[in-house]
Amino acid sequence: MSGLRQLWKSSYVLMLEEENARLRAENRAFLNSLLGTVGFPPVDAVEPGKPLPLNRIRKRSWPQIQRMKEGEAVR
């Protein structure tokens, strides 16, 4: 059993765990950048499987509202 524990504690596994944490942080930063571009609040670090609360509804710009009204008028 101690041989299996040594495998999991090896420097290679620790390096993979560190790389995984780094990539998660990088992906979260990229996601927050994209969300900020479209007007949503940033996402906090949460545990996997935990649902994220939505704080606000995205507001439409005037050109978007005009296109929606034009589309409804065509129908």
Protein backbone atom coordinates (compact mmCIF):
# COMPACT_ATOMS: atom_id res chain seq x y z
CA MET A 1 0.00 0.00 0.00
CA SER A 2 2.83 2.42 0.72
CA GLY A 3 4.09 2.01 -2.87
CA LEU A 4 0.74 3.29 -4.15
CA ARG A 5 0.90 6.29 -1.81
CA GLN A 6 4.38 7.13 -3.05
CA LEU A 7 3.09 7.07 -6.62
CA TRP A 8 0.36 9.59 -5.80
CA LYS A 9 2.80 11.79 -3.87
CA SER A 10 5.41 11.75 -6.63
CA SER A 11 6.74 14.99 -8.01
CA TYR A 12 5.13 14.23 -11.40
CA VAL A 13 1.63 14.07 -9.90
CA LEU A 14 2.26 17.24 -7.89
CA MET A 15 3.44 18.98 -11.08
CA LEU A 16 0.25 17.88 -12.87
CA GLU A 17 -1.90 19.19 -10.00
CA GLU A 18 -0.11 22.56 -10.09
CA GLU A 19 -0.52 22.76 -13.86
CA ASN A 20 -4.21 21.92 -13.51
CA ALA A 21 -4.67 24.71 -10.93
CA ARG A 22 -2.81 27.17 -13.17
CA LEU A 23 -4.94 26.29 -16.20
CA ARG A 24 -8.16 26.60 -14.17
CA ALA A 25 -7.14 30.09 -13.03
CA GLU A 26 -6.18 31.06 -16.57
CA ASN A 27 -9.49 29.78 -17.96
CA ARG A 28 -11.43 31.64 -15.24
CA ALA A 29 -9.60 34.87 -16.11
CA PHE A 30 -10.36 34.37 -19.81
CA LEU A 31 -14.03 33.64 -19.04
CA ASN A 32 -14.30 36.76 -16.87
CA SER A 33 -12.74 38.81 -19.66
CA LEU A 34 -15.32 37.54 -22.15
CA LEU A 35 -18.18 38.04 -19.70
CA GLY A 36 -17.03 41.59 -19.00
CA THR A 37 -16.98 42.32 -22.74
CA VAL A 38 -20.67 41.42 -23.10
CA GLY A 39 -21.76 43.12 -19.87
CA PHE A 40 -22.05 40.30 -17.34
CA PRO A 41 -20.47 40.43 -13.87
CA PRO A 42 -17.32 38.33 -13.31
CA VAL A 43 -17.54 34.76 -12.06
CA ASP A 44 -16.00 33.96 -8.67
CA ALA A 45 -14.01 30.80 -8.09
CA VAL A 46 -16.55 28.11 -7.15
CA GLU A 47 -16.39 24.41 -6.57
CA PRO A 48 -17.28 22.20 -9.55
CA GLY A 49 -20.92 21.24 -9.66
CA LYS A 50 -22.11 24.21 -7.65
CA PRO A 51 -24.55 26.37 -9.65
CA LEU A 52 -23.65 30.00 -10.22
CA PRO A 53 -26.21 32.64 -9.25
CA LEU A 54 -27.11 35.14 -11.95
CA ASN A 55 -27.01 38.63 -10.48
CA ARG A 56 -28.52 40.69 -13.26
CA ILE A 57 -30.17 40.49 -16.64
CA ARG A 58 -28.22 41.70 -19.64
CA LYS A 59 -29.50 45.01 -20.97
CA ARG A 60 -30.09 45.40 -24.70
CA SER A 61 -28.51 48.21 -26.67
CA TRP A 62 -30.60 50.55 -28.81
CA PRO A 63 -29.40 48.97 -32.10
CA GLN A 64 -30.38 45.52 -30.76
CA ILE A 65 -33.83 46.81 -29.75
CA GLN A 66 -34.28 48.40 -33.19
CA ARG A 67 -33.34 45.13 -34.96
CA MET A 68 -35.79 43.20 -32.76
CA LYS A 69 -38.60 45.64 -33.59
CA GLU A 70 -37.78 45.50 -37.31
CA GLY A 71 -37.89 41.69 -37.16
CA GLU A 72 -41.26 41.75 -35.43
CA ALA A 73 -42.61 44.23 -38.00
CA VAL A 74 -41.56 41.93 -40.89
CA ARG A 75 -43.49 39.02 -39.36
